Amino acid sequence: MLVGSGAAFRLWYLQIMDTEGAVHVLQALAQETRLEILRLLVRVGSDGMAAGEIARQLEVPAPTLSFHLKAMQQAELVSSERNGRSLVYRAGFERLSEVLGFLTENCCAGAPDESREPSLEANGMVDAPIQEF
């Protein structure tokens, strides 16, 4: 079903994160370098970071970085903006929120309202002994 095109379609799609969309995003993150890129961009926030600086900080060759950033852009995990001769990349916080919402939408179903938020304390994970295998 085609709801519309351009911005209208994008708005409709953003409101509905389905399993297929979540899989697409999670696949884009299922790689060590991409996860490191995203974590770095999340740390720097809305200022973003130039591609060259990302490559330097993560010690990733430029062609490799470009490959990973392209995959992450397709999943809308990052966005880019030209700033002079540089491309500045930013984390896709909206997309991350959508995925987190999708993953937690049925969290703690049936539990009282005050215990619906997942937490380490509520799940007995704080001060739990570390088990060695």
C-alpha atoms as a PDB file:
ATOM      1  CA  MET A   1       0.000   0.000   0.000  1.00  0.00           C
ATOM      2  CA  LEU A   2       1.489   3.310  -1.053  1.00  0.00           C
ATOM      3  CA  VAL A   3       0.423   5.956   1.407  1.00  0.00           C
ATOM      4  CA  GLY A   4       2.054   8.844  -0.348  1.00  0.00           C
ATOM      5  CA  SER A   5       5.369  10.067  -1.540  1.00  0.00           C
ATOM      6  CA  GLY A   6       8.215  12.197  -0.303  1.00  0.00           C
ATOM      7  CA  ALA A   7       7.850  13.806   3.117  1.00  0.00           C
ATOM      8  CA  ALA A   8       4.303  12.518   3.674  1.00  0.00           C
ATOM      9  CA  PHE A   9       5.400   8.917   3.132  1.00  0.00           C
ATOM     10  CA  ARG A  10       8.430   9.408   5.386  1.00  0.00           C
ATOM     11  CA  LEU A  11       6.246  10.785   8.177  1.00  0.00           C
ATOM     12  CA  TRP A  12       3.895   7.816   7.866  1.00  0.00           C
ATOM     13  CA  TYR A  13       6.789   5.360   7.897  1.00  0.00           C
ATOM     14  CA  LEU A  14       8.434   6.920  10.945  1.00  0.00           C
ATOM     15  CA  GLN A  15       5.257   6.457  12.930  1.00  0.00           C
ATOM     16  CA  ILE A  16       5.231   2.735  12.272  1.00  0.00           C
ATOM     17  CA  MET A  17       8.322   0.747  13.169  1.00  0.00           C
ATOM     18  CA  ASP A  18       7.592  -2.803  12.203  1.00  0.00           C
ATOM     19  CA  THR A  19       9.637  -5.947  12.526  1.00  0.00           C
ATOM     20  CA  GLU A  20      11.138  -5.532   9.062  1.00  0.00           C
ATOM     21  CA  GLY A  21      12.246  -1.967   9.819  1.00  0.00           C
ATOM     22  CA  ALA A  22      13.728  -3.001  13.147  1.00  0.00           C
ATOM     23  CA  VAL A  23      15.621  -5.866  11.512  1.00  0.00           C
ATOM     24  CA  HIS A  24      17.024  -3.467   8.901  1.00  0.00           C
ATOM     25  CA  VAL A  25      18.302  -1.097  11.593  1.00  0.00           C
ATOM     26  CA  LEU A  26      19.672  -3.855  13.795  1.00  0.00           C
ATOM     27  CA  GLN A  27      21.436  -5.477  10.840  1.00  0.00           C
ATOM     28  CA  ALA A  28      23.146  -2.169  10.149  1.00  0.00           C
ATOM     29  CA  LEU A  29      24.402  -2.160  13.729  1.00  0.00           C
ATOM     30  CA  ALA A  30      25.453  -5.807  13.802  1.00  0.00           C
ATOM     31  CA  GLN A  31      29.043  -4.969  12.957  1.00  0.00           C
ATOM     32  CA  GLU A  32      31.725  -3.787  15.372  1.00  0.00           C
ATOM     33  CA  THR A  33      32.942  -0.751  13.415  1.00  0.00           C
ATOM     34  CA  ARG A  34      29.410   0.510  12.799  1.00  0.00           C
ATOM     35  CA  LEU A  35      28.542   0.167  16.446  1.00  0.00           C
ATOM     36  CA  GLU A  36      31.695   2.105  17.375  1.00  0.00           C
ATOM     37  CA  ILE A  37      30.798   4.832  14.857  1.00  0.00           C
ATOM     38  CA  LEU A  38      27.308   5.180  16.282  1.00  0.00           C
ATOM     39  CA  ARG A  39      28.507   5.271  19.872  1.00  0.00           C
ATOM     40  CA  LEU A  40      31.040   7.977  18.966  1.00  0.00           C
ATOM     41  CA  LEU A  41      28.384  10.066  17.210  1.00  0.00           C
ATOM     42  CA  VAL A  42      25.984   9.654  20.123  1.00  0.00           C
ATOM     43  CA  ARG A  43      28.702  10.922  22.474  1.00  0.00           C
ATOM     44  CA  VAL A  44      29.333  14.080  20.428  1.00  0.00           C
ATOM     45  CA  GLY A  45      25.608  14.803  20.143  1.00  0.00           C
ATOM     46  CA  SER A  46      23.981  17.176  17.698  1.00  0.00           C
ATOM     47  CA  ASP A  47      27.285  18.832  16.741  1.00  0.00           C
ATOM     48  CA  GLY A  48      28.234  15.712  14.837  1.00  0.00           C
ATOM     49  CA  MET A  49      31.712  14.940  13.575  1.00  0.00           C
ATOM     50  CA  ALA A  50      33.525  15.218  10.269  1.00  0.00           C
ATOM     51  CA  ALA A  51      34.206  11.943   8.494  1.00  0.00           C
ATOM     52  CA  GLY A  52      37.968  12.519   8.649  1.00  0.00           C
ATOM     53  CA  GLU A  53      37.837  12.950  12.409  1.00  0.00           C
ATOM     54  CA  ILE A  54      35.727   9.808  12.816  1.00  0.00           C
ATOM     55  CA  ALA A  55      38.328   7.905  10.771  1.00  0.00           C
ATOM     56  CA  ARG A  56      41.168   9.285  12.916  1.00  0.00           C
ATOM     57  CA  GLN A  57      39.520   8.589  16.249  1.00  0.00           C
ATOM     58  CA  LEU A  58      38.470   5.059  15.348  1.00  0.00           C
ATOM     59  CA  GLU A  59      41.596   4.347  13.281  1.00  0.00           C
ATOM     60  CA  VAL A  60      39.517   3.237  10.299  1.00  0.00           C
ATOM     61  CA  PRO A  61      40.698   3.741   6.696  1.00  0.00           C
ATOM     62  CA  ALA A  62      38.610   6.305   4.797  1.00  0.00           C
ATOM     63  CA  PRO A  63      37.224   3.825   2.214  1.00  0.00           C
ATOM     64  CA  THR A  64      36.163   1.432   4.989  1.00  0.00           C
ATOM     65  CA  LEU A  65      34.537   4.255   6.936  1.00  0.00           C
ATOM     66  CA  SER A  66      32.687   5.413   3.835  1.00  0.00           C
ATOM     67  CA  PHE A  67      31.331   1.899   3.271  1.00  0.00           C
ATOM     68  CA  HIS A  68      30.029   1.668   6.841  1.00  0.00           C
ATOM     69  CA  LEU A  69      28.571   5.183   6.890  1.00  0.00           C
ATOM     70  CA  LYS A  70      26.662   4.443   3.680  1.00  0.00           C
ATOM     71  CA  ALA A  71      25.058   1.368   5.241  1.00  0.00           C
ATOM     72  CA  MET A  72      24.217   3.353   8.358  1.00  0.00           C
ATOM     73  CA  GLN A  73      22.674   6.169   6.295  1.00  0.00           C
ATOM     74  CA  GLN A  74      20.483   3.679   4.454  1.00  0.00           C
ATOM     75  CA  ALA A  75      19.176   2.506   7.834  1.00  0.00           C
ATOM     76  CA  GLU A  76      18.801   6.169   8.905  1.00  0.00           C
ATOM     77  CA  LEU A  77      21.117   5.650  11.856  1.00  0.00           C
ATOM     78  CA  VAL A  78      23.234   8.606  10.748  1.00  0.00           C
ATOM     79  CA  SER A  79      22.723  11.676   8.635  1.00  0.00           C
ATOM     80  CA  SER A  80      25.281  13.847   6.912  1.00  0.00           C
ATOM     81  CA  GLU A  81      25.637  17.480   6.003  1.00  0.00           C
ATOM     82  CA  ARG A  82      28.298  19.156   3.923  1.00  0.00           C
ATOM     83  CA  ASN A  83      30.300  21.744   5.825  1.00  0.00           C
ATOM     84  CA  GLY A  84      32.809  23.287   3.450  1.00  0.00           C
ATOM     85  CA  ARG A  85      34.948  20.446   2.152  1.00  0.00           C
ATOM     86  CA  SER A  86      33.926  18.057   4.928  1.00  0.00           C
ATOM     87  CA  LEU A  87      30.937  15.837   5.475  1.00  0.00           C
ATOM     88  CA  VAL A  88      29.689  16.078   9.042  1.00  0.00           C
ATOM     89  CA  TYR A  89      27.845  13.030  10.352  1.00  0.00           C
ATOM     90  CA  ARG A  90      25.298  12.987  13.149  1.00  0.00           C
ATOM     91  CA  ALA A  91      23.601  10.156  15.002  1.00  0.00           C
ATOM     92  CA  GLY A  92      20.001   9.505  13.975  1.00  0.00           C
ATOM     93  CA  PHE A  93      18.498   9.949  17.424  1.00  0.00           C
ATOM     94  CA  GLU A  94      14.953   9.806  16.069  1.00  0.00           C
ATOM     95  CA  ARG A  95      15.612   6.448  14.426  1.00  0.00           C
ATOM     96  CA  LEU A  96      17.278   5.109  17.562  1.00  0.00           C
ATOM     97  CA  SER A  97      14.250   6.161  19.586  1.00  0.00           C
ATOM     98  CA  GLU A  98      11.953   4.377  17.144  1.00  0.00           C
ATOM     99  CA  VAL A  99      13.908   1.149  17.455  1.00  0.00           C
ATOM    100  CA  LEU A 100      14.034   1.364  21.241  1.00  0.00           C
ATOM    101  CA  GLY A 101      10.306   2.040  21.277  1.00  0.00           C
ATOM    102  CA  PHE A 102       9.682  -0.960  19.051  1.00  0.00           C
ATOM    103  CA  LEU A 103      11.853  -3.216  21.219  1.00  0.00           C
ATOM    104  CA  THR A 104      10.237  -2.111  24.468  1.00  0.00           C
ATOM    105  CA  GLU A 105       6.635  -1.447  23.412  1.00  0.00           C
ATOM    106  CA  ASN A 106       5.333  -4.554  25.167  1.00  0.00           C
ATOM    107  CA  CYS A 107       7.792  -4.394  28.032  1.00  0.00           C
ATOM    108  CA  CYS A 108       6.578  -5.766  31.308  1.00  0.00           C
ATOM    109  CA  ALA A 109       3.074  -6.439  29.958  1.00  0.00           C
ATOM    110  CA  GLY A 110       0.721  -7.181  32.801  1.00  0.00           C
ATOM    111  CA  ALA A 111       2.960  -5.601  35.429  1.00  0.00           C
ATOM    112  CA  PRO A 112       1.720  -2.690  37.536  1.00  0.00           C
ATOM    113  CA  ASP A 113       2.363   0.715  35.956  1.00  0.00           C
ATOM    114  CA  GLU A 114       5.168   1.639  38.349  1.00  0.00           C
ATOM    115  CA  SER A 115       7.180  -1.446  37.365  1.00  0.00           C
ATOM    116  CA  ARG A 116       6.721  -1.141  33.595  1.00  0.00           C
ATOM    117  CA  GLU A 117      10.052   0.588  33.033  1.00  0.00           C
ATOM    118  CA  PRO A 118      12.800  -1.960  32.547  1.00  0.00           C
ATOM    119  CA  SER A 119      15.618  -1.517  35.016  1.00  0.00           C
ATOM    120  CA  LEU A 120      18.510  -3.475  36.364  1.00  0.00           C
ATOM    121  CA  GLU A 121      17.156  -3.171  39.889  1.00  0.00           C
ATOM    122  CA  ALA A 122      13.698  -4.483  38.963  1.00  0.00           C
ATOM    123  CA  ASN A 123      15.217  -7.495  37.270  1.00  0.00           C
ATOM    124  CA  GLY A 124      17.565  -8.372  40.118  1.00  0.00           C
ATOM    125  CA  MET A 125      20.682  -7.418  38.148  1.00  0.00           C
ATOM    126  CA  VAL A 126      22.163  -4.914  40.587  1.00  0.00           C
ATOM    127  CA  ASP A 127      24.650  -6.385  43.043  1.00  0.00           C
ATOM    128  CA  ALA A 128      24.098  -9.797  41.524  1.00  0.00           C
ATOM    129  CA  PRO A 129      27.132 -12.032  41.934  1.00  0.00           C
ATOM    130  CA  ILE A 130      29.234 -12.417  38.810  1.00  0.00           C
ATOM    131  CA  GLN A 131      29.186 -15.977  37.599  1.00  0.00           C
ATOM    132  CA  GLU A 132      32.234 -17.353  35.908  1.00  0.00           C
ATOM    133  CA  PHE A 133      31.905 -20.006  33.248  1.00  0.00           C
END
